Amino acid sequence: MVLLAALLASALYLVRQSYDARRLFTELDRAQSAARQLETEYERLKAERQAQATPLRVEKTAREKLQMRTATPAVTQYVEWAAPASAAALLAPAASAAPEGTR
């Protein structure tokens, strides 16, 4: 009787383990399929983003939606930086105090 009970318990345990293994394998297969779908979608979105960022499209959008125009010398303003008088006065003594060979 004890052997029969052990055999029955062992058989039930084996059936349960087989069921769990099949269930886990099915979940793994579904997860891998979802990962492949996400990877495909990611590649599609990358290609779409690259197509949207072409220089011609960016320029067209800048002209139409942002009302931008090309920079020309007629509309370009050049700014030169000039040191303030106090900064020039501070730099002059330092330059005269430098040793002869470093000038």
N, C-alpha and C. Protein backbone atom coordinates (compact mmCIF):
# COMPACT_ATOMS: atom_id res chain seq x y z
N MET A 1 0.81 -1.19 0.00
CA MET A 1 0.00 0.00 0.00
C MET A 1 0.87 1.27 0.00
N VAL A 2 1.93 1.24 0.78
CA VAL A 2 2.80 2.40 0.85
C VAL A 2 3.45 2.66 -0.50
N LEU A 3 3.88 1.59 -1.16
CA LEU A 3 4.49 1.73 -2.48
C LEU A 3 3.48 2.25 -3.51
N LEU A 4 2.26 1.79 -3.40
CA LEU A 4 1.22 2.24 -4.33
C LEU A 4 0.93 3.73 -4.11
N ALA A 5 0.90 4.18 -2.87
CA ALA A 5 0.66 5.59 -2.56
C ALA A 5 1.84 6.44 -3.07
N ALA A 6 3.07 5.93 -2.87
CA ALA A 6 4.25 6.65 -3.35
C ALA A 6 4.25 6.73 -4.87
N LEU A 7 3.86 5.63 -5.51
CA LEU A 7 3.79 5.62 -6.98
C LEU A 7 2.73 6.60 -7.47
N LEU A 8 1.59 6.63 -6.84
CA LEU A 8 0.51 7.54 -7.23
C LEU A 8 0.94 9.00 -7.02
N ALA A 9 1.56 9.31 -5.88
CA ALA A 9 2.04 10.67 -5.61
C ALA A 9 3.10 11.06 -6.62
N SER A 10 4.00 10.14 -6.93
CA SER A 10 5.06 10.41 -7.91
C SER A 10 4.46 10.68 -9.29
N ALA A 11 3.44 9.93 -9.68
CA ALA A 11 2.80 10.12 -11.00
C ALA A 11 2.10 11.48 -11.05
N LEU A 12 1.40 11.84 -9.99
CA LEU A 12 0.72 13.14 -9.95
C LEU A 12 1.74 14.28 -10.00
N TYR A 13 2.83 14.13 -9.30
CA TYR A 13 3.89 15.14 -9.32
C TYR A 13 4.47 15.29 -10.73
N LEU A 14 4.69 14.17 -11.41
CA LEU A 14 5.24 14.19 -12.77
C LEU A 14 4.27 14.87 -13.74
N VAL A 15 2.98 14.59 -13.60
CA VAL A 15 1.97 15.23 -14.47
C VAL A 15 1.95 16.74 -14.22
N ARG A 16 2.01 17.13 -12.97
CA ARG A 16 2.00 18.55 -12.63
C ARG A 16 3.24 19.27 -13.20
N GLN A 17 4.40 18.64 -13.09
CA GLN A 17 5.63 19.23 -13.61
C GLN A 17 5.58 19.34 -15.13
N SER A 18 5.04 18.35 -15.80
CA SER A 18 4.91 18.42 -17.27
C SER A 18 3.98 19.56 -17.68
N TYR A 19 2.88 19.70 -16.95
CA TYR A 19 1.94 20.78 -17.23
C TYR A 19 2.61 22.14 -17.05
N ASP A 20 3.34 22.30 -15.94
CA ASP A 20 4.03 23.56 -15.68
C ASP A 20 5.08 23.85 -16.75
N ALA A 21 5.80 22.83 -17.18
CA ALA A 21 6.83 23.01 -18.21
C ALA A 21 6.20 23.47 -19.52
N ARG A 22 5.09 22.85 -19.91
CA ARG A 22 4.40 23.25 -21.14
C ARG A 22 3.88 24.68 -21.04
N ARG A 23 3.31 25.03 -19.89
CA ARG A 23 2.78 26.38 -19.67
C ARG A 23 3.91 27.42 -19.75
N LEU A 24 5.02 27.12 -19.11
CA LEU A 24 6.15 28.05 -19.14
C LEU A 24 6.73 28.18 -20.55
N PHE A 25 6.79 27.07 -21.28
CA PHE A 25 7.30 27.13 -22.65
C PHE A 25 6.39 27.99 -23.51
N THR A 26 5.08 27.86 -23.32
CA THR A 26 4.13 28.68 -24.09
C THR A 26 4.30 30.16 -23.75
N GLU A 27 4.49 30.48 -22.47
CA GLU A 27 4.71 31.87 -22.07
C GLU A 27 6.01 32.41 -22.66
N LEU A 28 7.05 31.59 -22.67
CA LEU A 28 8.33 31.99 -23.25
C LEU A 28 8.18 32.27 -24.74
N ASP A 29 7.45 31.42 -25.43
CA ASP A 29 7.23 31.60 -26.87
C ASP A 29 6.46 32.90 -27.13
N ARG A 30 5.46 33.18 -26.32
CA ARG A 30 4.68 34.42 -26.47
C ARG A 30 5.57 35.64 -26.22
N ALA A 31 6.40 35.56 -25.20
CA ALA A 31 7.28 36.68 -24.87
C ALA A 31 8.30 36.91 -25.99
N GLN A 32 8.83 35.84 -26.55
CA GLN A 32 9.78 36.00 -27.66
C GLN A 32 9.08 36.59 -28.89
N SER A 33 7.86 36.19 -29.13
CA SER A 33 7.09 36.74 -30.25
C SER A 33 6.84 38.24 -30.04
N ALA A 34 6.47 38.61 -28.83
CA ALA A 34 6.25 40.02 -28.52
C ALA A 34 7.55 40.81 -28.67
N ALA A 35 8.66 40.23 -28.27
CA ALA A 35 9.95 40.91 -28.40
C ALA A 35 10.29 41.13 -29.87
N ARG A 36 10.01 40.13 -30.71
CA ARG A 36 10.26 40.29 -32.15
C ARG A 36 9.37 41.39 -32.73
N GLN A 37 8.11 41.44 -32.29
CA GLN A 37 7.22 42.50 -32.77
C GLN A 37 7.72 43.88 -32.35
N LEU A 38 8.15 44.00 -31.11
CA LEU A 38 8.66 45.28 -30.63
C LEU A 38 9.93 45.67 -31.37
N GLU A 39 10.77 44.72 -31.66
CA GLU A 39 12.00 45.01 -32.39
C GLU A 39 11.69 45.49 -33.81
N THR A 40 10.72 44.84 -34.45
CA THR A 40 10.31 45.26 -35.79
C THR A 40 9.72 46.66 -35.76
N GLU A 41 8.89 46.92 -34.77
CA GLU A 41 8.28 48.26 -34.63
C GLU A 41 9.36 49.32 -34.38
N TYR A 42 10.35 48.98 -33.57
CA TYR A 42 11.44 49.91 -33.28
C TYR A 42 12.23 50.24 -34.55
N GLU A 43 12.53 49.22 -35.33
CA GLU A 43 13.26 49.45 -36.59
C GLU A 43 12.43 50.30 -37.55
N ARG A 44 11.12 50.07 -37.60
CA ARG A 44 10.25 50.87 -38.46
C ARG A 44 10.23 52.32 -38.00
N LEU A 45 10.14 52.53 -36.70
CA LEU A 45 10.12 53.89 -36.18
C LEU A 45 11.45 54.60 -36.40
N LYS A 46 12.56 53.86 -36.29
CA LYS A 46 13.87 54.47 -36.57
C LYS A 46 13.95 54.91 -38.02
N ALA A 47 13.47 54.06 -38.94
CA ALA A 47 13.49 54.41 -40.36
C ALA A 47 12.58 55.62 -40.63
N GLU A 48 11.44 55.65 -39.97
CA GLU A 48 10.51 56.77 -40.15
C GLU A 48 11.12 58.07 -39.61
N ARG A 49 11.78 57.99 -38.45
CA ARG A 49 12.42 59.18 -37.88
C ARG A 49 13.52 59.68 -38.80
N GLN A 50 14.28 58.74 -39.37
CA GLN A 50 15.37 59.13 -40.27
C GLN A 50 14.80 59.79 -41.53
N ALA A 51 13.67 59.28 -42.02
CA ALA A 51 13.04 59.87 -43.19
C ALA A 51 12.51 61.27 -42.87
N GLN A 52 12.03 61.47 -41.65
CA GLN A 52 11.48 62.77 -41.26
C GLN A 52 12.58 63.82 -41.08
N ALA A 53 13.80 63.39 -40.83
CA ALA A 53 14.88 64.33 -40.52
C ALA A 53 15.79 64.62 -41.70
N THR A 54 15.32 64.42 -42.91
CA THR A 54 16.14 64.74 -44.07
C THR A 54 16.32 66.25 -44.15
N PRO A 55 17.48 66.70 -44.62
CA PRO A 55 17.72 68.15 -44.69
C PRO A 55 16.67 68.90 -45.51
N LEU A 56 16.20 68.30 -46.60
CA LEU A 56 15.20 68.96 -47.44
C LEU A 56 13.89 69.17 -46.66
N ARG A 57 13.46 68.15 -45.91
CA ARG A 57 12.23 68.26 -45.14
C ARG A 57 12.38 69.27 -44.01
N VAL A 58 13.54 69.27 -43.35
CA VAL A 58 13.77 70.23 -42.27
C VAL A 58 13.73 71.65 -42.82
N GLU A 59 14.36 71.87 -43.96
CA GLU A 59 14.35 73.21 -44.56
C GLU A 59 12.94 73.62 -44.96
N LYS A 60 12.19 72.70 -45.54
CA LYS A 60 10.82 72.99 -45.95
C LYS A 60 9.96 73.36 -44.74
N THR A 61 10.10 72.60 -43.66
CA THR A 61 9.34 72.88 -42.45
C THR A 61 9.74 74.23 -41.86
N ALA A 62 11.02 74.53 -41.87
CA ALA A 62 11.49 75.80 -41.34
C ALA A 62 10.92 76.97 -42.15
N ARG A 63 10.87 76.82 -43.45
CA ARG A 63 10.33 77.90 -44.29
C ARG A 63 8.83 78.06 -44.11
N GLU A 64 8.09 76.95 -44.15
CA GLU A 64 6.63 77.02 -44.14
C GLU A 64 6.05 77.28 -42.75
N LYS A 65 6.45 76.50 -41.77
CA LYS A 65 5.81 76.60 -40.45
C LYS A 65 6.46 77.65 -39.57
N LEU A 66 7.77 77.80 -39.65
CA LEU A 66 8.46 78.73 -38.75
C LEU A 66 8.77 80.06 -39.42
N GLN A 67 8.44 80.19 -40.70
CA GLN A 67 8.65 81.44 -41.44
C GLN A 67 10.12 81.87 -41.40
N MET A 68 11.02 80.92 -41.49
CA MET A 68 12.45 81.23 -41.46
C MET A 68 12.93 81.46 -42.89
N ARG A 69 14.06 82.14 -43.02
CA ARG A 69 14.64 82.38 -44.34
C ARG A 69 16.15 82.16 -44.27
N THR A 70 16.77 82.02 -45.42
CA THR A 70 18.20 81.77 -45.48
C THR A 70 18.96 83.03 -45.09
N ALA A 71 20.03 82.86 -44.33
CA ALA A 71 20.85 84.00 -43.92
C ALA A 71 21.69 84.47 -45.10
N THR A 72 21.64 85.78 -45.37
CA THR A 72 22.44 86.37 -46.44
C THR A 72 23.28 87.49 -45.84
N PRO A 73 24.31 87.93 -46.55
CA PRO A 73 25.12 89.04 -46.02
C PRO A 73 24.30 90.31 -45.79
N ALA A 74 23.22 90.49 -46.52
CA ALA A 74 22.40 91.69 -46.36
C ALA A 74 21.67 91.71 -45.02
N VAL A 75 21.34 90.54 -44.46
CA VAL A 75 20.61 90.50 -43.20
C VAL A 75 21.48 90.02 -42.04
N THR A 76 22.75 89.82 -42.28
CA THR A 76 23.66 89.32 -41.25
C THR A 76 24.32 90.49 -40.54
N GLN A 77 24.32 90.43 -39.23
CA GLN A 77 24.97 91.45 -38.42
C GLN A 77 26.15 90.79 -37.71
N TYR A 78 27.33 91.36 -37.87
CA TYR A 78 28.52 90.83 -37.24
C TYR A 78 28.82 91.64 -35.99
N VAL A 79 29.12 90.96 -34.91
CA VAL A 79 29.39 91.62 -33.64
C VAL A 79 30.82 91.29 -33.25
N GLU A 80 31.58 92.31 -32.89
CA GLU A 80 32.95 92.10 -32.44
C GLU A 80 33.01 92.35 -30.95
N TRP A 81 33.79 91.54 -30.28
CA TRP A 81 33.92 91.68 -28.85
C TRP A 81 35.09 92.60 -28.56
N ALA A 82 34.85 93.59 -27.74
CA ALA A 82 35.92 94.51 -27.31
C ALA A 82 36.01 94.42 -25.80
N ALA A 83 37.22 94.28 -25.30
CA ALA A 83 37.42 94.20 -23.85
C ALA A 83 37.06 95.54 -23.23
N PRO A 84 36.40 95.53 -22.09
CA PRO A 84 36.08 96.80 -21.42
C PRO A 84 37.37 97.52 -21.03
N ALA A 85 37.30 98.81 -20.86
CA ALA A 85 38.47 99.62 -20.55
C ALA A 85 39.13 99.15 -19.25
N SER A 86 38.34 98.76 -18.25
CA SER A 86 38.90 98.32 -16.98
C SER A 86 39.68 97.02 -17.17
N ALA A 87 39.22 96.13 -18.04
CA ALA A 87 39.93 94.88 -18.29
C ALA A 87 41.22 95.15 -19.04
N ALA A 88 41.22 96.09 -19.98
CA ALA A 88 42.43 96.42 -20.72
C ALA A 88 43.47 97.03 -19.79
N ALA A 89 43.03 97.84 -18.85
CA ALA A 89 43.95 98.46 -17.89
C ALA A 89 44.56 97.41 -16.98
N LEU A 90 43.80 96.39 -16.61
CA LEU A 90 44.31 95.33 -15.75
C LEU A 90 45.30 94.44 -16.49
N LEU A 91 45.10 94.24 -17.78
CA LEU A 91 45.98 93.37 -18.56
C LEU A 91 47.28 94.06 -18.92
N ALA A 92 47.30 95.38 -19.07
CA ALA A 92 48.50 96.11 -19.49
C ALA A 92 49.65 95.95 -18.50
N PRO A 93 49.48 96.13 -17.18
CA PRO A 93 50.60 95.95 -16.25
C PRO A 93 51.12 94.51 -16.24
N ALA A 94 50.25 93.56 -16.40
CA ALA A 94 50.68 92.16 -16.39
C ALA A 94 51.56 91.87 -17.60
N ALA A 95 51.26 92.47 -18.74
CA ALA A 95 52.06 92.25 -19.95
C ALA A 95 53.43 92.91 -19.82
N SER A 96 53.49 94.07 -19.17
CA SER A 96 54.78 94.75 -19.03
C SER A 96 55.64 94.09 -17.97
N ALA A 97 55.05 93.34 -17.02
CA ALA A 97 55.81 92.70 -15.96
C ALA A 97 56.35 91.33 -16.40
N ALA A 98 56.00 90.85 -17.56
CA ALA A 98 56.46 89.55 -18.05
C ALA A 98 57.94 89.62 -18.37
N PRO A 99 58.69 88.54 -18.15
CA PRO A 99 60.14 88.54 -18.49
C PRO A 99 60.38 88.75 -19.97
N GLU A 100 61.54 89.24 -20.31
CA GLU A 100 61.92 89.61 -21.67
C GLU A 100 61.77 88.44 -22.65
N GLY A 101 62.17 87.24 -22.27
CA GLY A 101 62.21 86.12 -23.19
C GLY A 101 60.83 85.55 -23.52
N THR A 102 59.79 85.91 -22.75
CA THR A 102 58.47 85.33 -22.98
C THR A 102 57.61 86.18 -23.90
N ARG A 103 58.02 87.34 -24.28
CA ARG A 103 57.19 88.19 -25.13
C ARG A 103 57.25 87.80 -26.55
